[in-house]
Amino acid sequence: MIFKSDTYKIWVCSFKGTLVGYSIISFPKKIKKARIYSIAVLKKFHGRGIGRRLLMKMVKEAQKGNYEKISLEVAVDNLKAITLYEKLNFLKTGLKKGYYSDGKAAMTMLLHL
C-alpha cells in the first residue's frame, strides 16, 4: 500500500521499477459499503494475475473493516474485467448510460461480503 487515509487506500504493483498496476478503494465511515474507484493494469501485463491480486487485497481490507458490501462500475465492453469480477462473486446490479467521458455505459456491480 502506498497511500492510506481514514477513507481511502491505494495499492500499486511495480515490475523492475515500472508501475504496472494500481487500485483505489474508498471506505466510508458512516456506511458499510466500500467502493472501488479504480483498478488498472498495463495491457502488456494482463493475464499475470496482477488485477486479481489487487482486487483480492481490496476485498480482504473491506472484510477486516467489517464492511458488508463492495460496489464498482466497469465499462460494459471491458469483458475481461467483468469476467474477473464475476469469478470473485460480484453481481451485476445495473447500468449507467453515458457514465464515462467518451459516452460509454458502465455496468454497476456489487459484492456481498
Protein backbone atom coordinates (compact mmCIF):
# COMPACT_ATOMS: atom_id res chain seq x y z
CA MET A 1 0.00 0.00 0.00
CA ILE A 2 1.38 3.40 -0.89
CA PHE A 3 -1.37 5.64 0.42
CA LYS A 4 -3.71 5.28 3.33
CA SER A 5 -6.15 7.71 4.89
CA ASP A 6 -9.19 7.24 7.06
CA THR A 7 -11.35 6.63 4.00
CA TYR A 8 -9.10 5.72 1.03
CA LYS A 9 -6.42 3.16 0.31
CA ILE A 10 -4.24 2.91 -2.77
CA TRP A 11 -2.04 -0.01 -3.78
CA VAL A 12 0.44 -0.18 -6.64
CA CYS A 13 2.24 -3.01 -8.34
CA SER A 14 5.60 -2.45 -9.99
CA PHE A 15 7.94 -4.55 -12.09
CA LYS A 16 11.60 -3.59 -12.42
CA GLY A 17 10.83 -0.06 -11.30
CA THR A 18 7.87 0.43 -13.64
CA LEU A 19 4.34 0.96 -12.36
CA VAL A 20 2.28 -1.84 -13.92
CA GLY A 21 -0.94 -1.67 -11.91
CA TYR A 22 -2.81 0.14 -9.17
CA SER A 23 -6.07 0.09 -7.25
CA ILE A 24 -8.05 2.71 -5.32
CA ILE A 25 -10.84 1.94 -2.86
CA SER A 26 -12.95 4.11 -0.58
CA PHE A 27 -14.02 3.02 2.89
CA PRO A 28 -16.77 5.45 4.03
CA LYS A 29 -17.16 5.79 7.78
CA LYS A 30 -20.94 6.03 8.07
CA ILE A 31 -21.98 3.20 5.76
CA LYS A 32 -20.65 -0.33 5.48
CA LYS A 33 -20.32 -0.36 1.68
CA ALA A 34 -16.82 0.15 0.28
CA ARG A 35 -16.42 1.44 -3.28
CA ILE A 36 -13.73 0.53 -5.77
CA TYR A 37 -12.89 3.71 -7.66
CA SER A 38 -10.26 2.35 -9.98
CA ILE A 39 -8.22 -0.71 -10.74
CA ALA A 40 -5.92 -0.87 -13.75
CA VAL A 41 -3.08 -2.98 -15.12
CA LEU A 42 -0.91 -2.12 -18.11
CA LYS A 43 -2.08 -4.08 -21.12
CA LYS A 44 1.21 -5.90 -21.65
CA PHE A 45 0.92 -7.24 -18.07
CA HIS A 46 -2.62 -8.61 -18.49
CA GLY A 47 -3.06 -12.29 -17.75
CA ARG A 48 -0.45 -12.44 -14.99
CA GLY A 49 -2.86 -12.25 -12.04
CA ILE A 50 -1.97 -8.68 -11.07
CA GLY A 51 -5.55 -7.40 -11.29
CA ARG A 52 -6.81 -10.38 -9.30
CA ARG A 53 -4.22 -9.81 -6.55
CA LEU A 54 -5.06 -6.09 -6.32
CA LEU A 55 -8.77 -6.91 -6.20
CA MET A 56 -8.30 -9.58 -3.53
CA LYS A 57 -6.28 -7.14 -1.42
CA MET A 58 -9.18 -4.68 -1.52
CA VAL A 59 -11.68 -7.41 -0.61
CA LYS A 60 -9.54 -8.52 2.36
CA GLU A 61 -9.23 -4.94 3.60
CA ALA A 62 -13.01 -4.49 3.39
CA GLN A 63 -13.53 -7.70 5.33
CA LYS A 64 -11.04 -6.57 8.00
CA GLY A 65 -13.00 -3.33 8.33
CA ASN A 66 -16.29 -5.25 8.73
CA TYR A 67 -17.74 -3.83 5.53
CA GLU A 68 -20.81 -5.64 4.22
CA LYS A 69 -20.51 -4.84 0.50
CA ILE A 70 -18.18 -3.55 -2.18
CA SER A 71 -19.50 -1.70 -5.23
CA LEU A 72 -17.86 -0.74 -8.51
CA GLU A 73 -18.52 0.44 -12.04
CA VAL A 74 -16.90 -1.12 -15.09
CA ALA A 75 -17.15 -0.28 -18.78
CA VAL A 76 -19.70 -2.56 -20.42
CA ASP A 77 -17.20 -3.54 -23.11
CA ASN A 78 -14.46 -4.50 -20.61
CA LEU A 79 -15.28 -8.19 -20.74
CA LYS A 80 -12.01 -9.32 -19.11
CA ALA A 81 -12.70 -7.22 -16.04
CA ILE A 82 -16.37 -8.21 -15.86
CA THR A 83 -15.37 -11.89 -16.09
CA LEU A 84 -12.84 -11.44 -13.27
CA TYR A 85 -15.39 -9.69 -11.05
CA GLU A 86 -17.97 -12.41 -11.69
CA LYS A 87 -15.42 -15.13 -10.84
CA LEU A 88 -14.99 -13.38 -7.50
CA ASN A 89 -18.79 -13.33 -6.93
CA PHE A 90 -19.56 -9.74 -7.87
CA LEU A 91 -23.13 -9.48 -9.16
CA LYS A 92 -24.33 -7.22 -11.97
CA THR A 93 -26.75 -4.72 -10.45
CA GLY A 94 -27.42 -2.12 -13.11
CA LEU A 95 -26.32 0.05 -15.97
CA LYS A 96 -25.26 3.71 -16.05
CA LYS A 97 -25.64 5.11 -19.56
CA GLY A 98 -23.07 7.71 -20.63
CA TYR A 99 -21.06 7.16 -17.44
CA TYR A 100 -17.61 7.65 -18.97
CA SER A 101 -16.33 10.82 -20.66
CA ASP A 102 -16.36 9.06 -24.06
CA GLY A 103 -20.07 8.31 -23.63
CA LYS A 104 -19.66 4.62 -22.82
CA ALA A 105 -22.01 2.97 -20.38
CA ALA A 106 -20.87 1.39 -17.12
CA MET A 107 -22.09 -1.83 -15.56
CA THR A 108 -22.61 -1.50 -11.81
CA MET A 109 -21.56 -4.49 -9.75
CA LEU A 110 -21.79 -5.45 -6.10
CA LEU A 111 -20.06 -7.99 -3.87
CA HIS A 112 -21.75 -9.10 -0.65
CA LEU A 113 -19.08 -9.91 1.93
